Amino acid sequence: MKENVTFAFDPDAKYPSPDNYFRPSIAYPEYLFESEISDQENSIYNLLRNALFLYGLDRDNYGTKKWNPLSKFITAGSTVLLKPNMVMHKNDSGNGEECLYTHPSVTAAIIDYVCIALYSNGCISGKIIVADAPMQDCDFKKLIENSGYKKLIEFYLKHDIDISLVDLRNVSTVTESGLRKSTILGNNGIVIDLGDKSKFTSFSHKKAKRLRITNYDPNDLLSHHNNTKHEYCIAAEALAADVIINIPKPKTHRKAGVTISQKNLIGINCSKEYLPHHTNGSVKSGGDCYSKKNIFLCISNKFLDYRNVCFKHKRFAAAKFNSLLFRVFSKFGHKLLNEKYSEGSWYGNDTIWRTIKDINYIIKYADKNGVIKDEVQRTQIIIADMVIAGEGEGPLLPSPHYLGTIGFCTNLEVFDKAAASIMGIDYNYIPSIKTSSASSVNIISNNNDWNKKDLNELLKTADSFIMTEGWRNYKNVKKN
């Protein structure tokens, strides 16, 4: 069975500024806010509209005031959560933020069509939540102000729409003089234990003790992932949603290879210490932190663990000392023994895909109280911002790669296969995608280079993305 994926394409598409709240520059028949038309061209709005049309949504009413493309998924009174990628407030690579996080102009157009679907008896009936848990170092206030997200939400509040913009993190951090200092934000989430449904079930207790996330106390991670449980801290807002609209910003990723729609759901987890990112040790020892046996890196990672324990308990002098030792031994390990990789940031990472799959399983099957059921609990759709995607050292230091497209699909695994292929990345080597369902893909696009093309054909003709340094040789890893 083939599943449809649409890619609406415009080679001249550009993101508009927030000056006019990302309003459309054309008075479309179905548009609800008739007096609010931008005098600045908004090609993004039309691109999103075309992606919905290409998928065939409410085709009979297209071009009329009755067109309601999301009515198949959303009804009046629903709670709808929009999950953009809001990973960080700035791109330290110097390449700008348009390739870093989901652009608010894409989110704005989606919200408008959500409002149409929620419209009933003269009013918009339902709840809209725009939310993400960005990196703990992210300055959320700067992100929403500089990007235009704050101004966007103000537009809808002005129209008495029940909408909120939520930072899902429990903790934020700032780094001062090399020391990480934390602030409790209070989004505690709902803890869900996947037990034997977790992709980490095969890990022995001894191996689980080696699970790591950089900059976090390993004892915290072990308390959530061991031989008796595998638990995550999921935002109540996500579990309460009837519909989740996943709005990824596709990029290359140091640990996962790529971040598309499945990886984007990591941002519904409130506390990072629940999220295994890599496993300490070399591949030969059963880890994936680095490739070859390396006594210096083994010692350096012990100092990194000590540093993180000291940070947690605010022993900052000891943290600084252990941080110095970590850097010294790490340098020896890489220079003297010619090791290219560290912290699982390479194609040999066999950990993070399991975390991605676990979170996706939870959001599919956990009910509003966090109880895992046999039936699918909520509708999910994907609307991807691929106008400017990210290549190189993503997810935090990407360089822009222009694609001029917005994608639409109702299956995250299928979409990730198609999007990776558009990016010139063979999904057979990306663990979170190659372990997905076997559904074949039917691409529908106004771009003849993509329309009806087999994924293998796309790979041959794609303007391939530059992978992160640790993934440049990703095809060296076996497919099985």
Protein backbone atom coordinates (compact mmCIF):
# COMPACT_ATOMS: atom_id res chain seq x y z
CA MET A 1 0.00 0.00 0.00
CA LYS A 2 1.32 3.43 -0.96
CA GLU A 3 0.90 6.45 1.30
CA ASN A 4 0.76 9.95 -0.14
CA VAL A 5 3.27 12.67 0.68
CA THR A 6 2.91 16.09 -0.91
CA PHE A 7 5.66 18.64 -1.53
CA ALA A 8 4.44 22.03 -2.72
CA PHE A 9 7.31 23.82 -4.43
CA ASP A 10 8.08 27.45 -5.18
CA PRO A 11 11.65 28.25 -6.27
CA ASP A 12 11.13 31.91 -5.32
CA ALA A 13 9.48 31.40 -1.90
CA LYS A 14 10.75 33.70 0.85
CA TYR A 15 9.86 34.05 4.50
CA PRO A 16 7.98 37.31 5.24
CA SER A 17 8.77 39.59 8.17
CA PRO A 18 6.47 39.71 11.23
CA ASP A 19 5.46 43.31 10.47
CA ASN A 20 1.91 42.28 9.48
CA TYR A 21 1.62 39.25 11.78
CA PHE A 22 2.48 36.95 8.84
CA ARG A 23 -0.88 37.66 7.21
CA PRO A 24 -1.53 36.53 3.63
CA SER A 25 -1.03 39.04 0.84
CA ILE A 26 -3.99 37.57 -1.08
CA ALA A 27 -7.62 37.62 0.11
CA TYR A 28 -8.25 33.88 -0.27
CA PRO A 29 -11.97 32.94 -0.34
CA GLU A 30 -11.75 30.80 2.81
CA TYR A 31 -9.68 33.30 4.83
CA LEU A 32 -11.37 34.15 8.16
CA PHE A 33 -9.72 37.49 8.99
CA GLU A 34 -10.95 39.39 5.94
CA SER A 35 -9.76 42.85 6.99
CA GLU A 36 -6.25 41.64 7.81
CA ILE A 37 -4.37 41.42 4.52
CA SER A 38 -0.63 42.09 4.32
CA ASP A 39 0.83 44.59 1.86
CA GLN A 40 4.02 42.48 1.94
CA GLU A 41 4.12 39.43 -0.32
CA ASN A 42 3.60 36.19 1.61
CA SER A 43 4.56 33.35 -0.72
CA ILE A 44 4.79 30.97 2.27
CA TYR A 45 1.04 31.19 2.86
CA ASN A 46 0.31 30.20 -0.71
CA LEU A 47 2.88 27.39 -0.53
CA LEU A 48 1.17 25.91 2.54
CA ARG A 49 -2.21 26.28 0.88
CA ASN A 50 -0.93 24.47 -2.19
CA ALA A 51 0.49 21.61 -0.08
CA LEU A 52 -2.99 21.01 1.40
CA PHE A 53 -4.61 21.19 -2.04
CA LEU A 54 -2.13 18.77 -3.60
CA TYR A 55 -2.99 16.23 -0.91
CA GLY A 56 -6.61 16.42 -2.05
CA LEU A 57 -8.06 17.78 1.19
CA ASP A 58 -11.67 18.94 0.78
CA ARG A 59 -10.99 19.20 -2.94
CA ASP A 60 -14.64 19.78 -3.89
CA ASN A 61 -14.74 23.06 -1.98
CA TYR A 62 -11.34 24.38 -3.06
CA GLY A 63 -11.53 27.97 -4.31
CA THR A 64 -14.70 28.72 -2.34
CA LYS A 65 -15.48 30.20 1.05
CA LYS A 66 -16.36 26.70 2.27
CA TRP A 67 -12.90 25.21 1.73
CA ASN A 68 -11.88 23.55 5.02
CA PRO A 69 -8.86 21.34 4.27
CA LEU A 70 -8.18 20.25 7.87
CA SER A 71 -11.80 19.24 8.56
CA LYS A 72 -10.80 15.62 7.97
CA PHE A 73 -8.63 15.80 11.10
CA ILE A 74 -10.04 18.59 13.29
CA THR A 75 -13.57 19.32 14.48
CA ALA A 76 -15.00 22.21 16.49
CA GLY A 77 -14.17 21.94 20.19
CA SER A 78 -10.91 20.02 19.65
CA THR A 79 -7.65 20.72 21.44
CA VAL A 80 -4.94 21.10 18.81
CA LEU A 81 -1.23 21.19 19.65
CA LEU A 82 1.17 22.63 17.08
CA LYS A 83 4.72 21.35 17.59
CA PRO A 84 7.26 23.49 15.72
CA ASN A 85 11.00 22.93 16.10
CA MET A 86 12.16 25.76 18.40
CA VAL A 87 15.50 24.22 19.32
CA MET A 88 17.58 27.35 20.06
CA HIS A 89 17.27 31.12 19.92
CA LYS A 90 20.41 31.68 17.84
CA ASN A 91 22.62 29.93 15.32
CA ASP A 92 26.20 30.26 16.55
CA SER A 93 27.51 29.18 13.15
CA GLY A 94 26.71 32.68 11.92
CA ASN A 95 24.41 31.30 9.22
CA GLY A 96 21.21 32.85 10.55
CA GLU A 97 18.10 31.42 12.14
CA GLU A 98 16.04 30.71 9.00
CA CYS A 99 17.65 27.25 8.83
CA LEU A 100 17.55 26.71 12.60
CA TYR A 101 13.92 26.69 13.77
CA THR A 102 10.47 26.40 12.22
CA HIS A 103 9.64 29.77 10.75
CA PRO A 104 6.58 31.43 12.34
CA SER A 105 5.14 32.34 8.93
CA VAL A 106 4.60 28.61 8.31
CA THR A 107 3.06 28.17 11.76
CA ALA A 108 0.81 31.21 11.19
CA ALA A 109 -0.68 29.80 7.99
CA ILE A 110 -1.31 26.46 9.73
CA ILE A 111 -3.05 28.19 12.65
CA ASP A 112 -5.38 29.97 10.21
CA TYR A 113 -6.52 26.63 8.75
CA VAL A 114 -6.87 25.18 12.24
CA CYS A 115 -9.15 28.13 13.07
CA ILE A 116 -11.27 27.35 9.99
CA ALA A 117 -11.63 23.74 11.15
CA LEU A 118 -12.59 24.89 14.67
CA TYR A 119 -15.13 27.43 13.39
CA SER A 120 -18.72 26.65 14.33
CA ASN A 121 -21.88 28.71 14.91
CA GLY A 122 -20.14 32.03 14.36
CA CYS A 123 -17.12 31.44 16.60
CA ILE A 124 -13.89 29.47 16.86
CA SER A 125 -14.60 26.72 19.36
CA GLY A 126 -11.60 24.82 20.68
CA LYS A 127 -8.11 25.28 22.06
CA ILE A 128 -4.83 25.86 20.20
CA ILE A 129 -1.45 25.32 21.85
CA VAL A 130 1.87 26.16 20.19
CA ALA A 131 4.55 24.41 22.21
CA ASP A 132 8.04 22.93 22.32
CA ALA A 133 10.76 22.02 24.80
CA PRO A 134 13.87 23.58 23.24
CA MET A 135 17.45 22.99 24.39
CA GLN A 136 17.94 23.96 28.02
CA ASP A 137 20.37 26.72 26.97
CA CYS A 138 17.73 28.28 24.73
CA ASP A 139 16.59 31.79 25.72
CA PHE A 140 12.91 31.23 24.96
CA LYS A 141 12.01 34.88 25.48
CA LYS A 142 14.59 35.98 22.90
CA LEU A 143 13.48 33.29 20.47
CA ILE A 144 9.79 34.23 20.47
CA GLU A 145 10.50 37.98 20.39
CA ASN A 146 13.18 37.96 17.69
CA SER A 147 11.45 35.42 15.47
CA GLY A 148 7.98 36.97 15.59
CA TYR A 149 6.26 34.09 17.42
CA LYS A 150 5.21 36.38 20.27
CA LYS A 151 3.71 38.91 17.87
CA LEU A 152 1.97 36.10 16.00
CA ILE A 153 0.22 34.82 19.12
CA GLU A 154 -0.83 38.37 20.03
CA PHE A 155 -2.69 38.58 16.71
CA TYR A 156 -4.93 35.64 17.60
CA LEU A 157 -5.46 36.77 21.18
CA LYS A 158 -6.64 40.08 19.74
CA HIS A 159 -9.32 38.07 17.92
CA ASP A 160 -10.40 36.31 21.16
CA ILE A 161 -9.05 32.92 20.10
CA ASP A 162 -8.09 30.47 22.84
CA ILE A 163 -4.40 30.11 21.99
CA SER A 164 -1.24 29.83 24.06
CA LEU A 165 2.51 29.66 23.43
CA VAL A 166 4.11 27.25 25.89
CA ASP A 167 7.70 26.48 26.84
CA LEU A 168 7.44 22.81 27.79
CA ARG A 169 10.76 22.62 29.64
CA ASN A 170 10.99 21.89 33.34
CA VAL A 171 14.43 23.51 33.59
CA SER A 172 16.36 26.14 31.65
CA THR A 173 20.09 26.79 31.99
CA VAL A 174 22.62 29.51 31.31
CA THR A 175 26.38 29.05 31.09
CA GLU A 176 28.49 31.63 32.89
CA SER A 177 32.29 31.37 33.09
CA GLY A 178 32.07 27.76 31.94
CA LEU A 179 29.50 26.83 34.61
CA ARG A 180 25.92 25.76 33.86
CA LYS A 181 23.36 27.29 36.19
CA SER A 182 19.77 26.09 36.21
CA THR A 183 16.37 27.73 36.69
CA ILE A 184 13.28 25.64 37.49
CA LEU A 185 10.43 26.48 35.09
CA GLY A 186 7.93 24.08 36.64
CA ASN A 187 6.59 22.07 33.70
CA ASN A 188 6.90 18.72 35.46
CA GLY A 189 5.09 16.63 32.84
CA ILE A 190 3.60 13.17 33.25
CA VAL A 191 6.05 10.31 33.79
CA ILE A 192 5.31 7.30 31.57
CA ASP A 193 7.10 3.97 31.93
CA LEU A 194 7.20 2.06 28.64
CA GLY A 195 8.58 -1.07 30.30
CA ASP A 196 9.09 -3.89 27.83
CA LYS A 197 7.62 -1.79 25.00
CA SER A 198 10.78 0.35 25.05
CA LYS A 199 13.45 -0.03 22.40
CA PHE A 200 15.93 -0.19 25.30
CA THR A 201 14.48 -3.46 26.63
CA SER A 202 17.43 -5.45 25.30
CA PHE A 203 19.87 -3.41 27.41
CA SER A 204 21.17 -5.18 30.51
CA HIS A 205 21.37 -3.21 33.75
CA LYS A 206 25.15 -3.04 33.25
CA LYS A 207 24.71 -1.50 29.79
CA ALA A 208 21.91 0.81 30.94
CA LYS A 209 24.37 2.25 33.49
CA ARG A 210 26.40 3.52 30.54
CA LEU A 211 23.55 5.47 28.92
CA ARG A 212 24.38 9.16 28.77
CA ILE A 213 23.15 12.59 27.80
CA THR A 214 25.93 15.19 27.64
CA ASN A 215 25.96 17.69 30.54
CA TYR A 216 23.60 15.68 32.78
CA ASP A 217 24.20 13.62 35.92
CA PRO A 218 24.35 9.97 34.76
CA ASN A 219 22.69 8.87 38.00
CA ASP A 220 19.54 10.77 37.02
CA LEU A 221 19.43 9.02 33.66
CA LEU A 222 19.97 5.63 35.33
CA SER A 223 17.05 6.29 37.66
CA HIS A 224 14.77 6.49 34.59
CA HIS A 225 16.36 3.81 32.39
CA ASN A 226 17.48 0.54 33.97
CA ASN A 227 16.57 -3.15 34.02
CA THR A 228 13.16 -2.46 35.64
CA LYS A 229 11.85 0.58 33.74
CA HIS A 230 12.26 2.93 30.81
CA GLU A 231 10.38 6.13 31.50
CA TYR A 232 9.91 9.53 29.94
CA CYS A 233 8.49 12.83 31.18
CA ILE A 234 5.82 13.87 28.67
CA ALA A 235 4.14 17.28 28.57
CA ALA A 236 0.53 17.17 29.75
CA GLU A 237 -0.32 19.59 26.94
CA ALA A 238 0.73 17.01 24.35
CA LEU A 239 -1.21 14.19 26.00
CA ALA A 240 -4.31 16.40 26.29
CA ALA A 241 -4.31 17.13 22.56
CA ASP A 242 -6.88 15.55 20.25
CA VAL A 243 -4.69 16.47 17.28
CA ILE A 244 -0.95 17.12 17.05
CA ILE A 245 0.38 19.02 14.05
CA ASN A 246 4.07 18.24 13.77
CA ILE A 247 5.92 21.14 12.09
CA PRO A 248 9.56 20.05 11.75
CA LYS A 249 12.46 22.02 10.32
CA PRO A 250 14.38 19.21 8.56
CA LYS A 251 18.11 19.35 9.23
CA THR A 252 21.14 17.14 9.48
CA HIS A 253 21.82 16.02 13.05
CA ARG A 254 25.09 15.09 14.76
CA LYS A 255 23.70 12.11 16.69
CA ALA A 256 20.62 10.99 14.73
CA GLY A 257 21.85 11.71 11.19
CA VAL A 258 18.76 13.76 10.41
CA THR A 259 16.00 15.42 12.39
CA ILE A 260 12.65 15.40 10.60
CA SER A 261 9.19 14.61 12.01
CA GLN A 262 9.93 11.65 14.30
CA LYS A 263 12.89 13.39 15.92
CA ASN A 264 10.86 16.59 16.29
CA LEU A 265 8.62 14.85 18.85
CA ILE A 266 11.54 14.68 21.30
CA GLY A 267 10.42 18.22 22.15
CA ILE A 268 7.29 16.99 23.95
CA ASN A 269 9.50 15.56 26.71
CA CYS A 270 9.84 18.12 29.53
CA SER A 271 13.04 16.99 31.26
CA LYS A 272 16.15 16.13 29.28
CA GLU A 273 17.51 13.71 31.90
CA TYR A 274 14.92 11.19 30.68
CA LEU A 275 16.41 11.10 27.17
CA PRO A 276 19.35 8.76 26.44
CA HIS A 277 21.52 10.22 23.68
CA HIS A 278 24.49 7.83 23.55
CA THR A 279 26.11 4.92 25.38
CA ASN A 280 29.56 5.30 26.95
CA GLY A 281 32.43 3.27 25.58
CA SER A 282 33.66 2.10 22.20
CA VAL A 283 31.70 0.02 19.73
CA LYS A 284 33.77 -3.04 20.65
CA SER A 285 32.81 -2.65 24.32
CA GLY A 286 29.12 -2.34 23.45
CA GLY A 287 29.02 1.45 23.48
CA ASP A 288 28.68 4.04 20.73
CA CYS A 289 30.42 7.08 22.22
CA TYR A 290 33.42 6.57 19.94
CA SER A 291 34.56 3.97 17.43
CA LYS A 292 37.75 2.29 18.72
CA LYS A 293 39.03 1.16 22.12
CA ASN A 294 40.58 4.25 23.73
CA ILE A 295 41.87 4.42 27.31
CA PHE A 296 42.18 8.22 27.22
CA LEU A 297 38.56 8.74 26.15
CA CYS A 298 37.43 6.16 28.70
CA ILE A 299 39.12 8.20 31.45
CA SER A 300 37.97 11.54 30.01
CA ASN A 301 34.35 10.41 30.11
CA LYS A 302 34.73 9.49 33.79
CA PHE A 303 35.83 13.05 34.46
CA LEU A 304 32.88 14.30 32.42
CA ASP A 305 30.55 12.26 34.63
CA TYR A 306 32.19 13.69 37.78
CA ARG A 307 31.82 17.19 36.36
CA ASN A 308 28.12 16.70 35.70
CA VAL A 309 27.52 15.32 39.21
CA CYS A 310 29.30 18.36 40.63
CA PHE A 311 27.23 20.74 38.50
CA LYS A 312 24.01 19.20 39.78
CA HIS A 313 25.08 19.61 43.40
CA LYS A 314 26.46 23.12 42.79
CA ARG A 315 30.04 22.16 43.61
CA PHE A 316 31.30 24.55 40.99
CA ALA A 317 35.01 24.54 41.89
CA ALA A 318 35.14 20.74 41.61
CA ALA A 319 33.11 20.95 38.41
CA LYS A 320 35.68 23.30 36.87
CA PHE A 321 38.57 21.04 37.86
CA ASN A 322 36.94 17.92 36.41
CA SER A 323 36.00 19.84 33.28
CA LEU A 324 39.69 20.68 32.77
CA LEU A 325 40.73 17.04 33.20
CA PHE A 326 38.00 15.96 30.80
CA ARG A 327 39.31 18.30 28.10
CA VAL A 328 42.95 17.22 28.60
CA PHE A 329 42.26 13.48 28.38
CA SER A 330 39.79 13.98 25.55
CA LYS A 331 42.47 15.81 23.55
CA PHE A 332 44.93 12.97 24.11
CA GLY A 333 42.32 10.41 23.11
CA HIS A 334 41.57 12.10 19.84
CA LYS A 335 45.06 13.26 18.86
CA LEU A 336 47.26 10.37 20.01
CA LEU A 337 44.91 7.52 19.09
CA ASN A 338 43.40 9.16 16.01
CA GLU A 339 39.77 8.94 17.16
CA LYS A 340 37.41 11.08 15.07
CA TYR A 341 34.24 10.68 17.12
CA SER A 342 32.94 11.56 20.57
CA GLU A 343 29.70 11.75 22.57
CA GLY A 344 27.90 9.52 20.07
CA SER A 345 28.02 12.27 17.45
CA TRP A 346 28.58 9.94 14.49
CA TYR A 347 26.93 7.34 12.30
CA GLY A 348 27.67 4.57 14.82
CA ASN A 349 25.19 5.96 17.36
CA ASP A 350 22.91 3.07 18.33
CA THR A 351 21.16 4.88 21.18
CA ILE A 352 19.27 7.99 20.15
CA TRP A 353 17.07 6.24 17.58
CA ARG A 354 15.68 4.14 20.44
CA THR A 355 14.77 7.29 22.36
CA ILE A 356 13.09 8.73 19.26
CA LYS A 357 11.05 5.56 18.72
CA ASP A 358 10.01 5.40 22.38
CA ILE A 359 8.71 8.98 22.38
CA ASN A 360 6.82 8.35 19.14
CA TYR A 361 5.23 5.22 20.60
CA ILE A 362 4.10 7.16 23.66
CA ILE A 363 2.50 10.01 21.74
CA LYS A 364 0.69 7.49 19.56
CA TYR A 365 -0.67 5.19 22.27
CA ALA A 366 -0.65 7.04 25.63
CA ASP A 367 -4.02 8.46 26.72
CA LYS A 368 -4.51 11.85 28.37
CA ASN A 369 -3.44 10.40 31.73
CA GLY A 370 -0.32 8.76 30.34
CA VAL A 371 -1.69 5.22 30.31
CA ILE A 372 -0.51 3.15 27.33
CA LYS A 373 -3.44 1.75 25.33
CA ASP A 374 -3.71 -0.68 22.42
CA GLU A 375 -5.53 1.85 20.23
CA VAL A 376 -4.16 5.04 18.66
CA GLN A 377 -5.06 7.92 21.01
CA ARG A 378 -4.80 11.03 18.84
CA THR A 379 -4.53 12.22 15.27
CA GLN A 380 -1.12 13.33 14.00
CA ILE A 381 -0.29 15.16 10.81
CA ILE A 382 2.98 16.59 9.50
CA ILE A 383 3.42 19.96 7.83
CA ALA A 384 7.15 20.48 7.32
CA ASP A 385 8.95 23.79 6.86
CA MET A 386 11.44 22.88 4.14
CA VAL A 387 11.62 26.28 2.51
CA ILE A 388 15.09 26.68 3.98
CA ALA A 389 16.32 23.49 5.64
CA GLY A 390 19.59 22.92 7.52
CA GLU A 391 22.75 21.08 6.51
CA GLY A 392 26.21 20.71 7.97
CA GLU A 393 26.59 20.80 11.74
CA GLY A 394 22.94 20.55 12.71
CA PRO A 395 20.89 20.69 14.76
CA LEU A 396 22.45 23.69 16.53
CA LEU A 397 24.99 25.02 14.00
CA PRO A 398 23.34 24.41 10.62
CA SER A 399 24.01 26.09 7.31
CA PRO A 400 21.05 26.96 5.05
CA HIS A 401 20.05 24.68 2.20
CA TYR A 402 17.27 26.13 0.07
CA LEU A 403 14.53 23.68 -0.96
CA GLY A 404 11.57 26.04 -1.44
CA THR A 405 9.04 23.47 -0.31
CA ILE A 406 6.46 22.66 2.34
CA GLY A 407 5.58 19.01 2.87
CA PHE A 408 2.38 17.37 4.08
CA CYS A 409 1.65 13.81 5.25
CA THR A 410 -0.35 11.87 7.83
CA ASN A 411 2.32 9.27 8.65
CA LEU A 412 5.54 10.35 10.37
CA GLU A 413 7.58 7.33 9.29
CA VAL A 414 6.53 7.62 5.67
CA PHE A 415 7.17 11.36 5.64
CA ASP A 416 10.67 10.94 7.03
CA LYS A 417 11.51 8.47 4.24
CA ALA A 418 10.36 10.93 1.60
CA ALA A 419 11.92 14.04 3.15
CA ALA A 420 15.28 12.34 3.67
CA SER A 421 15.26 11.31 0.02
CA ILE A 422 14.49 14.88 -1.09
CA MET A 423 17.53 15.87 1.01
CA GLY A 424 19.67 13.31 -0.86
CA ILE A 425 20.09 11.19 2.28
CA ASP A 426 19.60 7.42 2.02
CA TYR A 427 17.16 6.62 4.83
CA ASN A 428 18.32 2.99 4.86
CA TYR A 429 21.31 4.18 6.87
CA ILE A 430 19.35 6.37 9.31
CA PRO A 431 18.31 4.10 12.24
CA SER A 432 15.15 6.00 13.25
CA ILE A 433 13.86 5.77 9.67
CA LYS A 434 15.14 2.42 8.45
CA THR A 435 13.39 0.72 11.40
CA SER A 436 10.06 2.25 10.30
CA SER A 437 7.03 0.63 8.70
CA ALA A 438 7.39 -0.87 5.25
CA SER A 439 4.78 1.39 3.61
CA SER A 440 5.84 2.60 0.20
CA VAL A 441 5.65 6.27 -0.70
CA ASN A 442 3.69 8.10 -3.37
CA ILE A 443 5.10 11.59 -3.85
CA ILE A 444 2.75 14.25 -5.21
CA SER A 445 4.35 17.54 -6.15
CA ASN A 446 4.13 20.44 -8.57
CA ASN A 447 7.89 19.95 -9.00
CA ASN A 448 8.32 17.52 -11.89
CA ASP A 449 11.71 16.44 -10.53
CA TRP A 450 9.89 14.98 -7.50
CA ASN A 451 6.37 14.16 -8.66
CA LYS A 452 5.63 10.40 -8.82
CA LYS A 453 9.33 9.64 -8.48
CA ASP A 454 10.61 6.54 -6.73
CA LEU A 455 12.72 7.32 -3.66
CA ASN A 456 15.77 5.74 -5.25
CA GLU A 457 15.30 8.03 -8.25
CA LEU A 458 15.17 11.03 -5.94
CA LEU A 459 18.44 10.04 -4.29
CA LYS A 460 20.19 9.97 -7.65
CA THR A 461 19.02 13.45 -8.68
CA ALA A 462 18.80 15.27 -5.32
CA ASP A 463 20.97 18.25 -4.45
CA SER A 464 22.41 16.29 -1.54
CA PHE A 465 22.74 17.88 1.87
CA ILE A 466 26.14 18.10 3.53
CA MET A 467 26.05 15.78 6.54
CA THR A 468 27.56 16.61 9.93
CA GLU A 469 31.25 15.76 10.24
CA GLY A 470 30.54 12.52 12.12
CA TRP A 471 28.10 11.37 9.42
CA ARG A 472 30.15 12.18 6.31
CA ASN A 473 30.92 8.44 5.93
CA TYR A 474 27.51 7.25 7.14
CA LYS A 475 27.20 4.69 4.36
CA ASN A 476 30.07 2.77 5.95
CA VAL A 477 27.60 1.40 8.50
CA LYS A 478 25.73 -1.78 7.61
CA LYS A 479 22.05 -1.47 6.73
CA ASN A 480 20.99 -4.40 8.90
